[in-house]
Amino acid sequence: MTVRKVLCVDDSASDLGILQNILMAANIDVLLAKHGREAIQYAKAERPDLIFLDIIMPDMDGYAVIRELQKAPATKIIPVIFVSGKAQKADQIWATLQGGKGFIAKPVSEAAVLAALNKF
C-alpha cells in the first residue's frame, strides 16, 4: 500500500505542525484533527491511508478513538500509529494491544515518521 493521505490527531498545535511539515515534505496529503471526535469524523469521511494518533487528549483519549474506529468496517482497516510522550514500555505494549500498528515517542523525529510511513 502506498500512503498518500494521513490523518494526524493531537490536541497540541505545535505537535500537529511538526507532523504536518514532515509529511508535506514527503508529498503526503495531511488532514489535521485536534480531538478524538473530530478524528473519528475525518476517518469516516476522508478514509486516510494511515492515522498518527496522540494518546492523551481532553475529550477522548487515543485508545477510545481506536476502539471506535475498529467498530466500523470502513475505518477498522486504517492502520494507526500512536504518537505520545508516554513512551514507557508498558504504554507501547498497551498501544499494540489496543490495535496500534506502531508507536512513536514524542518529540517526533523526521526519521521515525518516515520509517512508520515506509511500513505501509
PDB file of N, CA and C in Angstrom:
ATOM      1  N   MET A   1       0.843  -1.178   0.000  1.00  0.00           N
ATOM      2  CA  MET A   1       0.000   0.000   0.000  1.00  0.00           C
ATOM      3  C   MET A   1       0.886   1.239   0.000  1.00  0.00           C
ATOM      4  N   THR A   2       0.553   2.175  -0.817  1.00  0.00           N
ATOM      5  CA  THR A   2       1.252   3.456  -0.826  1.00  0.00           C
ATOM      6  C   THR A   2       0.454   4.452   0.001  1.00  0.00           C
ATOM      7  N   VAL A   3       1.120   5.092   0.938  1.00  0.00           N
ATOM      8  CA  VAL A   3       0.460   6.073   1.792  1.00  0.00           C
ATOM      9  C   VAL A   3       0.422   7.411   1.066  1.00  0.00           C
ATOM     10  N   ARG A   4      -0.789   7.893   0.816  1.00  0.00           N
ATOM     11  CA  ARG A   4      -0.954   9.175   0.128  1.00  0.00           C
ATOM     12  C   ARG A   4      -1.647  10.224   0.995  1.00  0.00           C
ATOM     13  N   LYS A   5      -2.477   9.734   1.930  1.00  0.00           N
ATOM     14  CA  LYS A   5      -3.243  10.650   2.781  1.00  0.00           C
ATOM     15  C   LYS A   5      -3.148  10.171   4.227  1.00  0.00           C
ATOM     16  N   VAL A   6      -2.761  11.091   5.118  1.00  0.00           N
ATOM     17  CA  VAL A   6      -2.573  10.757   6.529  1.00  0.00           C
ATOM     18  C   VAL A   6      -3.393  11.707   7.397  1.00  0.00           C
ATOM     19  N   LEU A   7      -4.043  11.138   8.392  1.00  0.00           N
ATOM     20  CA  LEU A   7      -4.752  11.917   9.402  1.00  0.00           C
ATOM     21  C   LEU A   7      -3.870  11.999  10.641  1.00  0.00           C
ATOM     22  N   CYS A   8      -3.576  13.211  11.086  1.00  0.00           N
ATOM     23  CA  CYS A   8      -2.790  13.445  12.296  1.00  0.00           C
ATOM     24  C   CYS A   8      -3.730  13.979  13.367  1.00  0.00           C
ATOM     25  N   VAL A   9      -3.691  13.358  14.546  1.00  0.00           N
ATOM     26  CA  VAL A   9      -4.608  13.725  15.621  1.00  0.00           C
ATOM     27  C   VAL A   9      -3.807  14.056  16.874  1.00  0.00           C
ATOM     28  N   ASP A  10      -3.923  15.297  17.333  1.00  0.00           N
ATOM     29  CA  ASP A  10      -3.203  15.726  18.538  1.00  0.00           C
ATOM     30  C   ASP A  10      -3.837  17.016  19.038  1.00  0.00           C
ATOM     31  N   ASP A  11      -3.951  17.149  20.344  1.00  0.00           N
ATOM     32  CA  ASP A  11      -4.505  18.388  20.893  1.00  0.00           C
ATOM     33  C   ASP A  11      -3.463  19.498  20.964  1.00  0.00           C
ATOM     34  N   SER A  12      -2.214  19.176  20.672  1.00  0.00           N
ATOM     35  CA  SER A  12      -1.137  20.167  20.669  1.00  0.00           C
ATOM     36  C   SER A  12      -0.928  20.705  19.251  1.00  0.00           C
ATOM     37  N   ALA A  13      -1.159  21.990  19.064  1.00  0.00           N
ATOM     38  CA  ALA A  13      -0.974  22.607  17.746  1.00  0.00           C
ATOM     39  C   ALA A  13       0.472  22.499  17.281  1.00  0.00           C
ATOM     40  N   SER A  14       1.421  22.628  18.194  1.00  0.00           N
ATOM     41  CA  SER A  14       2.830  22.555  17.788  1.00  0.00           C
ATOM     42  C   SER A  14       3.199  21.144  17.339  1.00  0.00           C
ATOM     43  N   ASP A  15       2.701  20.119  18.039  1.00  0.00           N
ATOM     44  CA  ASP A  15       2.986  18.744  17.620  1.00  0.00           C
ATOM     45  C   ASP A  15       2.326  18.432  16.279  1.00  0.00           C
ATOM     46  N   LEU A  16       1.110  18.931  16.075  1.00  0.00           N
ATOM     47  CA  LEU A  16       0.454  18.758  14.773  1.00  0.00           C
ATOM     48  C   LEU A  16       1.261  19.427  13.668  1.00  0.00           C
ATOM     49  N   GLY A  17       1.774  20.619  13.945  1.00  0.00           N
ATOM     50  CA  GLY A  17       2.561  21.344  12.955  1.00  0.00           C
ATOM     51  C   GLY A  17       3.824  20.605  12.558  1.00  0.00           C
ATOM     52  N   ILE A  18       4.483  19.998  13.528  1.00  0.00           N
ATOM     53  CA  ILE A  18       5.702  19.233  13.235  1.00  0.00           C
ATOM     54  C   ILE A  18       5.374  18.057  12.328  1.00  0.00           C
ATOM     55  N   LEU A  19       4.353  17.296  12.689  1.00  0.00           N
ATOM     56  CA  LEU A  19       3.949  16.161  11.851  1.00  0.00           C
ATOM     57  C   LEU A  19       3.547  16.619  10.455  1.00  0.00           C
ATOM     58  N   GLN A  20       2.778  17.689  10.390  1.00  0.00           N
ATOM     59  CA  GLN A  20       2.329  18.207   9.099  1.00  0.00           C
ATOM     60  C   GLN A  20       3.514  18.585   8.218  1.00  0.00           C
ATOM     61  N   ASN A  21       4.491  19.272   8.771  1.00  0.00           N
ATOM     62  CA  ASN A  21       5.663  19.683   7.986  1.00  0.00           C
ATOM     63  C   ASN A  21       6.440  18.488   7.458  1.00  0.00           C
ATOM     64  N   ILE A  22       6.636  17.480   8.299  1.00  0.00           N
ATOM     65  CA  ILE A  22       7.368  16.280   7.873  1.00  0.00           C
ATOM     66  C   ILE A  22       6.623  15.582   6.744  1.00  0.00           C
ATOM     67  N   LEU A  23       5.322  15.413   6.912  1.00  0.00           N
ATOM     68  CA  LEU A  23       4.529  14.685   5.924  1.00  0.00           C
ATOM     69  C   LEU A  23       4.382  15.454   4.615  1.00  0.00           C
ATOM     70  N   MET A  24       4.170  16.756   4.703  1.00  0.00           N
ATOM     71  CA  MET A  24       4.043  17.553   3.481  1.00  0.00           C
ATOM     72  C   MET A  24       5.350  17.557   2.693  1.00  0.00           C
ATOM     73  N   ALA A  25       6.482  17.551   3.382  1.00  0.00           N
ATOM     74  CA  ALA A  25       7.777  17.485   2.696  1.00  0.00           C
ATOM     75  C   ALA A  25       7.947  16.155   1.965  1.00  0.00           C
ATOM     76  N   ALA A  26       7.213  15.132   2.422  1.00  0.00           N
ATOM     77  CA  ALA A  26       7.248  13.818   1.771  1.00  0.00           C
ATOM     78  C   ALA A  26       6.114  13.665   0.755  1.00  0.00           C
ATOM     79  N   ASN A  27       5.480  14.778   0.390  1.00  0.00           N
ATOM     80  CA  ASN A  27       4.385  14.794  -0.594  1.00  0.00           C
ATOM     81  C   ASN A  27       3.174  13.965  -0.175  1.00  0.00           C
ATOM     82  N   ILE A  28       2.855  14.018   1.109  1.00  0.00           N
ATOM     83  CA  ILE A  28       1.691  13.324   1.649  1.00  0.00           C
ATOM     84  C   ILE A  28       0.594  14.360   1.906  1.00  0.00           C
ATOM     85  N   ASP A  29      -0.638  14.033   1.524  1.00  0.00           N
ATOM     86  CA  ASP A  29      -1.775  14.882   1.875  1.00  0.00           C
ATOM     87  C   ASP A  29      -2.046  14.705   3.361  1.00  0.00           C
ATOM     88  N   VAL A  30      -2.228  15.809   4.066  1.00  0.00           N
ATOM     89  CA  VAL A  30      -2.361  15.764   5.521  1.00  0.00           C
ATOM     90  C   VAL A  30      -3.713  16.322   5.958  1.00  0.00           C
ATOM     91  N   LEU A  31      -4.384  15.568   6.806  1.00  0.00           N
ATOM     92  CA  LEU A  31      -5.603  16.011   7.476  1.00  0.00           C
ATOM     93  C   LEU A  31      -5.253  16.200   8.944  1.00  0.00           C
ATOM     94  N   LEU A  32      -5.769  17.247   9.571  1.00  0.00           N
ATOM     95  CA  LEU A  32      -5.454  17.530  10.966  1.00  0.00           C
ATOM     96  C   LEU A  32      -6.718  17.522  11.812  1.00  0.00           C
ATOM     97  N   ALA A  33      -6.641  16.854  12.962  1.00  0.00           N
ATOM     98  CA  ALA A  33      -7.741  16.856  13.928  1.00  0.00           C
ATOM     99  C   ALA A  33      -7.165  17.161  15.301  1.00  0.00           C
ATOM    100  N   LYS A  34      -7.885  17.986  16.062  1.00  0.00           N
ATOM    101  CA  LYS A  34      -7.390  18.411  17.373  1.00  0.00           C
ATOM    102  C   LYS A  34      -7.985  17.621  18.532  1.00  0.00           C
ATOM    103  N   HIS A  35      -8.945  16.758  18.243  1.00  0.00           N
ATOM    104  CA  HIS A  35      -9.507  15.931  19.307  1.00  0.00           C
ATOM    105  C   HIS A  35     -10.094  14.649  18.715  1.00  0.00           C
ATOM    106  N   GLY A  36     -10.417  13.724  19.603  1.00  0.00           N
ATOM    107  CA  GLY A  36     -10.832  12.398  19.182  1.00  0.00           C
ATOM    108  C   GLY A  36     -12.084  12.336  18.340  1.00  0.00           C
ATOM    109  N   ARG A  37     -13.107  13.063  18.728  1.00  0.00           N
ATOM    110  CA  ARG A  37     -14.362  13.002  17.969  1.00  0.00           C
ATOM    111  C   ARG A  37     -14.182  13.544  16.551  1.00  0.00           C
ATOM    112  N   GLU A  38     -13.397  14.593  16.428  1.00  0.00           N
ATOM    113  CA  GLU A  38     -13.092  15.140  15.106  1.00  0.00           C
ATOM    114  C   GLU A  38     -12.321  14.110  14.281  1.00  0.00           C
ATOM    115  N   ALA A  39     -11.421  13.389  14.923  1.00  0.00           N
ATOM    116  CA  ALA A  39     -10.638  12.355  14.236  1.00  0.00           C
ATOM    117  C   ALA A  39     -11.537  11.263  13.677  1.00  0.00           C
ATOM    118  N   ILE A  40     -12.502  10.835  14.459  1.00  0.00           N
ATOM    119  CA  ILE A  40     -13.415   9.789  14.008  1.00  0.00           C
ATOM    120  C   ILE A  40     -14.222  10.273  12.805  1.00  0.00           C
ATOM    121  N   GLN A  41     -14.692  11.508  12.853  1.00  0.00           N
ATOM    122  CA  GLN A  41     -15.444  12.072  11.722  1.00  0.00           C
ATOM    123  C   GLN A  41     -14.585  12.117  10.462  1.00  0.00           C
ATOM    124  N   TYR A  42     -13.342  12.609  10.593  1.00  0.00           N
ATOM    125  CA  TYR A  42     -12.439  12.674   9.439  1.00  0.00           C
ATOM    126  C   TYR A  42     -12.142  11.281   8.894  1.00  0.00           C
ATOM    127  N   ALA A  43     -11.893  10.337   9.780  1.00  0.00           N
ATOM    128  CA  ALA A  43     -11.564   8.978   9.336  1.00  0.00           C
ATOM    129  C   ALA A  43     -12.712   8.382   8.527  1.00  0.00           C
ATOM    130  N   LYS A  44     -13.931   8.593   8.985  1.00  0.00           N
ATOM    131  CA  LYS A  44     -15.096   8.057   8.270  1.00  0.00           C
ATOM    132  C   LYS A  44     -15.322   8.764   6.942  1.00  0.00           C
ATOM    133  N   ALA A  45     -15.139  10.076   6.916  1.00  0.00           N
ATOM    134  CA  ALA A  45     -15.420  10.859   5.707  1.00  0.00           C
ATOM    135  C   ALA A  45     -14.292  10.821   4.684  1.00  0.00           C
ATOM    136  N   GLU A  46     -13.061  10.847   5.155  1.00  0.00           N
ATOM    137  CA  GLU A  46     -11.911  11.009   4.260  1.00  0.00           C
ATOM    138  C   GLU A  46     -11.153   9.718   3.966  1.00  0.00           C
ATOM    139  N   ARG A  47     -11.330   8.704   4.787  1.00  0.00           N
ATOM    140  CA  ARG A  47     -10.663   7.408   4.623  1.00  0.00           C
ATOM    141  C   ARG A  47      -9.152   7.551   4.382  1.00  0.00           C
ATOM    142  N   PRO A  48      -8.425   8.082   5.357  1.00  0.00           N
ATOM    143  CA  PRO A  48      -6.974   8.216   5.187  1.00  0.00           C
ATOM    144  C   PRO A  48      -6.309   6.847   5.094  1.00  0.00           C
ATOM    145  N   ASP A  49      -5.106   6.827   4.546  1.00  0.00           N
ATOM    146  CA  ASP A  49      -4.345   5.581   4.430  1.00  0.00           C
ATOM    147  C   ASP A  49      -3.690   5.198   5.751  1.00  0.00           C
ATOM    148  N   LEU A  50      -3.512   6.186   6.628  1.00  0.00           N
ATOM    149  CA  LEU A  50      -2.798   5.976   7.888  1.00  0.00           C
ATOM    150  C   LEU A  50      -3.217   7.068   8.864  1.00  0.00           C
ATOM    151  N   ILE A  51      -3.195   6.740  10.157  1.00  0.00           N
ATOM    152  CA  ILE A  51      -3.510   7.728  11.193  1.00  0.00           C
ATOM    153  C   ILE A  51      -2.366   7.776  12.200  1.00  0.00           C
ATOM    154  N   PHE A  52      -1.867   8.988  12.474  1.00  0.00           N
ATOM    155  CA  PHE A  52      -0.952   9.225  13.589  1.00  0.00           C
ATOM    156  C   PHE A  52      -1.816   9.768  14.718  1.00  0.00           C
ATOM    157  N   LEU A  53      -1.865   9.062  15.848  1.00  0.00           N
ATOM    158  CA  LEU A  53      -2.842   9.352  16.896  1.00  0.00           C
ATOM    159  C   LEU A  53      -2.184   9.554  18.257  1.00  0.00           C
ATOM    160  N   ASP A  54      -2.386  10.733  18.818  1.00  0.00           N
ATOM    161  CA  ASP A  54      -1.923  11.023  20.176  1.00  0.00           C
ATOM    162  C   ASP A  54      -2.751  10.189  21.160  1.00  0.00           C
ATOM    163  N   ILE A  55      -2.175   9.902  22.317  1.00  0.00           N
ATOM    164  CA  ILE A  55      -2.906   9.129  23.320  1.00  0.00           C
ATOM    165  C   ILE A  55      -3.662  10.043  24.279  1.00  0.00           C
ATOM    166  N   ILE A  56      -2.973  11.031  24.834  1.00  0.00           N
ATOM    167  CA  ILE A  56      -3.575  11.895  25.847  1.00  0.00           C
ATOM    168  C   ILE A  56      -4.228  13.106  25.179  1.00  0.00           C
ATOM    169  N   MET A  57      -5.567  13.113  25.183  1.00  0.00           N
ATOM    170  CA  MET A  57      -6.331  14.240  24.639  1.00  0.00           C
ATOM    171  C   MET A  57      -7.516  14.495  25.559  1.00  0.00           C
ATOM    172  N   PRO A  58      -8.041  15.727  25.573  1.00  0.00           N
ATOM    173  CA  PRO A  58      -9.073  16.069  26.551  1.00  0.00           C
ATOM    174  C   PRO A  58     -10.432  15.385  26.387  1.00  0.00           C
ATOM    175  N   ASP A  59     -10.979  15.291  25.189  1.00  0.00           N
ATOM    176  CA  ASP A  59     -12.350  14.783  25.075  1.00  0.00           C
ATOM    177  C   ASP A  59     -12.433  13.264  25.092  1.00  0.00           C
ATOM    178  N   MET A  60     -11.538  12.621  24.415  1.00  0.00           N
ATOM    179  CA  MET A  60     -11.433  11.162  24.465  1.00  0.00           C
ATOM    180  C   MET A  60     -10.001  10.803  24.113  1.00  0.00           C
ATOM    181  N   ASP A  61      -9.444   9.845  24.836  1.00  0.00           N
ATOM    182  CA  ASP A  61      -8.044   9.519  24.583  1.00  0.00           C
ATOM    183  C   ASP A  61      -7.897   8.683  23.314  1.00  0.00           C
ATOM    184  N   GLY A  62      -6.657   8.516  22.896  1.00  0.00           N
ATOM    185  CA  GLY A  62      -6.384   7.791  21.664  1.00  0.00           C
ATOM    186  C   GLY A  62      -6.875   6.356  21.684  1.00  0.00           C
ATOM    187  N   TYR A  63      -6.847   5.730  22.869  1.00  0.00           N
ATOM    188  CA  TYR A  63      -7.333   4.354  22.968  1.00  0.00           C
ATOM    189  C   TYR A  63      -8.838   4.280  22.696  1.00  0.00           C
ATOM    190  N   ALA A  64      -9.589   5.254  23.191  1.00  0.00           N
ATOM    191  CA  ALA A  64     -11.031   5.296  22.918  1.00  0.00           C
ATOM    192  C   ALA A  64     -11.285   5.546  21.432  1.00  0.00           C
ATOM    193  N   VAL A  65     -10.454   6.380  20.826  1.00  0.00           N
ATOM    194  CA  VAL A  65     -10.594   6.660  19.393  1.00  0.00           C
ATOM    195  C   VAL A  65     -10.389   5.387  18.578  1.00  0.00           C
ATOM    196  N   ILE A  66      -9.323   4.649  18.860  1.00  0.00           N
ATOM    197  CA  ILE A  66      -9.058   3.450  18.057  1.00  0.00           C
ATOM    198  C   ILE A  66     -10.151   2.404  18.271  1.00  0.00           C
ATOM    199  N   ARG A  67     -10.685   2.315  19.483  1.00  0.00           N
ATOM    200  CA  ARG A  67     -11.786   1.367  19.717  1.00  0.00           C
ATOM    201  C   ARG A  67     -13.012   1.747  18.881  1.00  0.00           C
ATOM    202  N   GLU A  68     -13.299   3.042  18.767  1.00  0.00           N
ATOM    203  CA  GLU A  68     -14.415   3.498  17.918  1.00  0.00           C
ATOM    204  C   GLU A  68     -14.141   3.185  16.453  1.00  0.00           C
ATOM    205  N   LEU A  69     -12.923   3.443  16.010  1.00  0.00           N
ATOM    206  CA  LEU A  69     -12.575   3.185  14.610  1.00  0.00           C
ATOM    207  C   LEU A  69     -12.695   1.703  14.278  1.00  0.00           C
ATOM    208  N   GLN A  70     -12.385   0.846  15.234  1.00  0.00           N
ATOM    209  CA  GLN A  70     -12.434  -0.595  14.992  1.00  0.00           C
ATOM    210  C   GLN A  70     -13.858  -1.138  14.903  1.00  0.00           C
ATOM    211  N   LYS A  71     -14.841  -0.359  15.301  1.00  0.00           N
ATOM    212  CA  LYS A  71     -16.239  -0.798  15.239  1.00  0.00           C
ATOM    213  C   LYS A  71     -16.826  -0.706  13.833  1.00  0.00           C
ATOM    214  N   ALA A  72     -16.279   0.163  12.998  1.00  0.00           N
ATOM    215  CA  ALA A  72     -16.835   0.384  11.655  1.00  0.00           C
ATOM    216  C   ALA A  72     -15.975  -0.314  10.604  1.00  0.00           C
ATOM    217  N   PRO A  73     -16.592  -1.084   9.712  1.00  0.00           N
ATOM    218  CA  PRO A  73     -15.822  -1.790   8.686  1.00  0.00           C
ATOM    219  C   PRO A  73     -14.922  -0.876   7.850  1.00  0.00           C
ATOM    220  N   ALA A  74     -15.398   0.328   7.547  1.00  0.00           N
ATOM    221  CA  ALA A  74     -14.633   1.238   6.683  1.00  0.00           C
ATOM    222  C   ALA A  74     -13.403   1.811   7.375  1.00  0.00           C
ATOM    223  N   THR A  75     -13.442   1.912   8.705  1.00  0.00           N
ATOM    224  CA  THR A  75     -12.313   2.533   9.409  1.00  0.00           C
ATOM    225  C   THR A  75     -11.446   1.534  10.161  1.00  0.00           C
ATOM    226  N   LYS A  76     -11.937   0.333  10.389  1.00  0.00           N
ATOM    227  CA  LYS A  76     -11.121  -0.611  11.156  1.00  0.00           C
ATOM    228  C   LYS A  76      -9.895  -1.089  10.382  1.00  0.00           C
ATOM    229  N   ILE A  77      -9.906  -0.900   9.077  1.00  0.00           N
ATOM    230  CA  ILE A  77      -8.760  -1.321   8.267  1.00  0.00           C
ATOM    231  C   ILE A  77      -7.665  -0.255   8.174  1.00  0.00           C
ATOM    232  N   ILE A  78      -7.931   0.942   8.696  1.00  0.00           N
ATOM    233  CA  ILE A  78      -6.938   2.022   8.631  1.00  0.00           C
ATOM    234  C   ILE A  78      -5.893   1.792   9.719  1.00  0.00           C
ATOM    235  N   PRO A  79      -4.617   1.643   9.348  1.00  0.00           N
ATOM    236  CA  PRO A  79      -3.591   1.456  10.372  1.00  0.00           C
ATOM    237  C   PRO A  79      -3.403   2.715  11.217  1.00  0.00           C
ATOM    238  N   VAL A  80      -3.174   2.497  12.510  1.00  0.00           N
ATOM    239  CA  VAL A  80      -2.976   3.586  13.460  1.00  0.00           C
ATOM    240  C   VAL A  80      -1.592   3.472  14.082  1.00  0.00           C
ATOM    241  N   ILE A  81      -0.851   4.580  14.028  1.00  0.00           N
ATOM    242  CA  ILE A  81       0.436   4.695  14.713  1.00  0.00           C
ATOM    243  C   ILE A  81       0.209   5.638  15.888  1.00  0.00           C
ATOM    244  N   PHE A  82       0.430   5.147  17.096  1.00  0.00           N
ATOM    245  CA  PHE A  82       0.293   6.018  18.261  1.00  0.00           C
ATOM    246  C   PHE A  82       1.514   6.910  18.385  1.00  0.00           C
ATOM    247  N   VAL A  83       1.275   8.161  18.756  1.00  0.00           N
ATOM    248  CA  VAL A  83       2.334   9.154  18.953  1.00  0.00           C
ATOM    249  C   VAL A  83       2.106   9.743  20.336  1.00  0.00           C
ATOM    250  N   SER A  84       3.091   9.585  21.230  1.00  0.00           N
ATOM    251  CA  SER A  84       2.832  10.035  22.594  1.00  0.00           C
ATOM    252  C   SER A  84       4.104  10.337  23.360  1.00  0.00           C
ATOM    253  N   GLY A  85       3.964  11.226  24.323  1.00  0.00           N
ATOM    254  CA  GLY A  85       5.031  11.489  25.276  1.00  0.00           C
ATOM    255  C   GLY A  85       5.094  10.392  26.327  1.00  0.00           C
ATOM    256  N   LYS A  86       4.026   9.603  26.427  1.00  0.00           N
ATOM    257  CA  LYS A  86       4.010   8.441  27.322  1.00  0.00           C
ATOM    258  C   LYS A  86       4.690   7.294  26.584  1.00  0.00           C
ATOM    259  N   ALA A  87       5.980   7.162  26.792  1.00  0.00           N
ATOM    260  CA  ALA A  87       6.736   6.208  25.975  1.00  0.00           C
ATOM    261  C   ALA A  87       7.346   5.069  26.789  1.00  0.00           C
ATOM    262  N   GLN A  88       6.763   4.789  27.945  1.00  0.00           N
ATOM    263  CA  GLN A  88       7.231   3.644  28.719  1.00  0.00           C
ATOM    264  C   GLN A  88       6.913   2.364  27.949  1.00  0.00           C
ATOM    265  N   LYS A  89       7.646   1.310  28.226  1.00  0.00           N
ATOM    266  CA  LYS A  89       7.420   0.031  27.549  1.00  0.00           C
ATOM    267  C   LYS A  89       5.963  -0.427  27.730  1.00  0.00           C
ATOM    268  N   ALA A  90       5.421  -0.227  28.930  1.00  0.00           N
ATOM    269  CA  ALA A  90       4.031  -0.626  29.190  1.00  0.00           C
ATOM    270  C   ALA A  90       3.058   0.134  28.286  1.00  0.00           C
ATOM    271  N   ASP A  91       3.333   1.417  28.046  1.00  0.00           N
ATOM    272  CA  ASP A  91       2.477   2.213  27.157  1.00  0.00           C
ATOM    273  C   ASP A  91       2.530   1.674  25.731  1.00  0.00           C
ATOM    274  N   GLN A  92       3.713   1.300  25.292  1.00  0.00           N
ATOM    275  CA  GLN A  92       3.874   0.776  23.937  1.00  0.00           C
ATOM    276  C   GLN A  92       3.167  -0.572  23.785  1.00  0.00           C
ATOM    277  N   ILE A  93       3.271  -1.412  24.807  1.00  0.00           N
ATOM    278  CA  ILE A  93       2.588  -2.712  24.768  1.00  0.00           C
ATOM    279  C   ILE A  93       1.076  -2.505  24.750  1.00  0.00           C
ATOM    280  N   TRP A  94       0.577  -1.617  25.613  1.00  0.00           N
ATOM    281  CA  TRP A  94      -0.860  -1.354  25.664  1.00  0.00           C
ATOM    282  C   TRP A  94      -1.361  -0.804  24.327  1.00  0.00           C
ATOM    283  N   ALA A  95      -0.579   0.071  23.705  1.00  0.00           N
ATOM    284  CA  ALA A  95      -0.955   0.626  22.402  1.00  0.00           C
ATOM    285  C   ALA A  95      -1.099  -0.486  21.366  1.00  0.00           C
ATOM    286  N   THR A  96      -0.200  -1.445  21.396  1.00  0.00           N
ATOM    287  CA  THR A  96      -0.273  -2.582  20.474  1.00  0.00           C
ATOM    288  C   THR A  96      -1.505  -3.436  20.771  1.00  0.00           C
ATOM    289  N   LEU A  97      -1.764  -3.676  22.051  1.00  0.00           N
ATOM    290  CA  LEU A  97      -2.930  -4.470  22.433  1.00  0.00           C
ATOM    291  C   LEU A  97      -4.240  -3.798  22.025  1.00  0.00           C
ATOM    292  N   GLN A  98      -4.253  -2.481  21.958  1.00  0.00           N
ATOM    293  CA  GLN A  98      -5.446  -1.743  21.550  1.00  0.00           C
ATOM    294  C   GLN A  98      -5.636  -1.734  20.031  1.00  0.00           C
ATOM    295  N   GLY A  99      -4.641  -2.235  19.298  1.00  0.00           N
ATOM    296  CA  GLY A  99      -4.765  -2.295  17.843  1.00  0.00           C
ATOM    297  C   GLY A  99      -3.800  -1.411  17.087  1.00  0.00           C
ATOM    298  N   GLY A 100      -2.934  -0.711  17.798  1.00  0.00           N
ATOM    299  CA  GLY A 100      -1.951   0.133  17.137  1.00  0.00           C
ATOM    300  C   GLY A 100      -0.949  -0.683  16.336  1.00  0.00           C
ATOM    301  N   LYS A 101      -0.547  -0.152  15.209  1.00  0.00           N
ATOM    302  CA  LYS A 101       0.423  -0.832  14.337  1.00  0.00           C
ATOM    303  C   LYS A 101       1.830  -0.288  14.507  1.00  0.00           C
ATOM    304  N   GLY A 102       1.988   0.664  15.424  1.00  0.00           N
ATOM    305  CA  GLY A 102       3.295   1.242  15.690  1.00  0.00           C
ATOM    306  C   GLY A 102       3.190   2.279  16.783  1.00  0.00           C
ATOM    307  N   PHE A 103       4.354   2.760  17.224  1.00  0.00           N
ATOM    308  CA  PHE A 103       4.412   3.726  18.314  1.00  0.00           C
ATOM    309  C   PHE A 103       5.606   4.630  18.080  1.00  0.00           C
ATOM    310  N   ILE A 104       5.377   5.934  18.136  1.00  0.00           N
ATOM    311  CA  ILE A 104       6.453   6.919  18.021  1.00  0.00           C
ATOM    312  C   ILE A 104       6.422   7.770  19.281  1.00  0.00           C
ATOM    313  N   ALA A 105       7.572   7.880  19.936  1.00  0.00           N
ATOM    314  CA  ALA A 105       7.671   8.704  21.140  1.00  0.00           C
ATOM    315  C   ALA A 105       7.873  10.162  20.750  1.00  0.00           C
ATOM    316  N   LYS A 106       7.232  11.048  21.514  1.00  0.00           N
ATOM    317  CA  LYS A 106       7.447  12.486  21.333  1.00  0.00           C
ATOM    318  C   LYS A 106       8.705  12.890  22.078  1.00  0.00           C
ATOM    319  N   PRO A 107       9.406  13.874  21.591  1.00  0.00           N
ATOM    320  CA  PRO A 107       9.165  14.620  20.359  1.00  0.00           C
ATOM    321  C   PRO A 107       9.479  13.756  19.133  1.00  0.00           C
ATOM    322  N   VAL A 108       8.631  13.846  18.128  1.00  0.00           N
ATOM    323  CA  VAL A 108       8.812  13.019  16.937  1.00  0.00           C
ATOM    324  C   VAL A 108      10.006  13.512  16.127  1.00  0.00           C
ATOM    325  N   SER A 109      10.618  12.565  15.451  1.00  0.00           N
ATOM    326  CA  SER A 109      11.704  12.917  14.537  1.00  0.00           C
ATOM    327  C   SER A 109      11.255  12.597  13.117  1.00  0.00           C
ATOM    328  N   GLU A 110      11.853  13.269  12.180  1.00  0.00           N
ATOM    329  CA  GLU A 110      11.540  13.005  10.775  1.00  0.00           C
ATOM    330  C   GLU A 110      11.823  11.546  10.440  1.00  0.00           C
ATOM    331  N   ALA A 111      12.941  11.018  10.937  1.00  0.00           N
ATOM    332  CA  ALA A 111      13.316   9.631  10.650  1.00  0.00           C
ATOM    333  C   ALA A 111      12.257   8.650  11.156  1.00  0.00           C
ATOM    334  N   ALA A 112      11.737   8.885  12.359  1.00  0.00           N
ATOM    335  CA  ALA A 112      10.730   7.980  12.926  1.00  0.00           C
ATOM    336  C   ALA A 112       9.427   8.036  12.137  1.00  0.00           C
ATOM    337  N   VAL A 113       9.020   9.222  11.743  1.00  0.00           N
ATOM    338  CA  VAL A 113       7.776   9.378  10.979  1.00  0.00           C
ATOM    339  C   VAL A 113       7.910   8.717   9.609  1.00  0.00           C
ATOM    340  N   LEU A 114       9.019   8.951   8.933  1.00  0.00           N
ATOM    341  CA  LEU A 114       9.221   8.356   7.606  1.00  0.00           C
ATOM    342  C   LEU A 114       9.349   6.841   7.690  1.00  0.00           C
ATOM    343  N   ALA A 115       9.981   6.341   8.745  1.00  0.00           N
ATOM    344  CA  ALA A 115      10.083   4.891   8.932  1.00  0.00           C
ATOM    345  C   ALA A 115       8.693   4.284   9.123  1.00  0.00           C
ATOM    346  N   ALA A 116       7.837   4.968   9.875  1.00  0.00           N
ATOM    347  CA  ALA A 116       6.466   4.485  10.069  1.00  0.00           C
ATOM    348  C   ALA A 116       5.710   4.459   8.741  1.00  0.00           C
ATOM    349  N   LEU A 117       5.887   5.489   7.932  1.00  0.00           N
ATOM    350  CA  LEU A 117       5.236   5.532   6.615  1.00  0.00           C
ATOM    351  C   LEU A 117       5.676   4.363   5.743  1.00  0.00           C
ATOM    352  N   ASN A 118       6.948   4.052   5.806  1.00  0.00           N
ATOM    353  CA  ASN A 118       7.502   3.012   4.940  1.00  0.00           C
ATOM    354  C   ASN A 118       7.050   1.606   5.317  1.00  0.00           C
ATOM    355  N   LYS A 119       6.419   1.447   6.478  1.00  0.00           N
ATOM    356  CA  LYS A 119       5.890   0.140   6.873  1.00  0.00           C
ATOM    357  C   LYS A 119       4.618  -0.206   6.105  1.00  0.00           C
ATOM    358  N   PHE A 120       4.011   0.797   5.483  1.00  0.00           N
ATOM    359  CA  PHE A 120       2.701   0.581   4.856  1.00  0.00           C
ATOM    360  C   PHE A 120       2.704   0.911   3.386  1.00  0.00           C
TER     361      PHE A 120
END
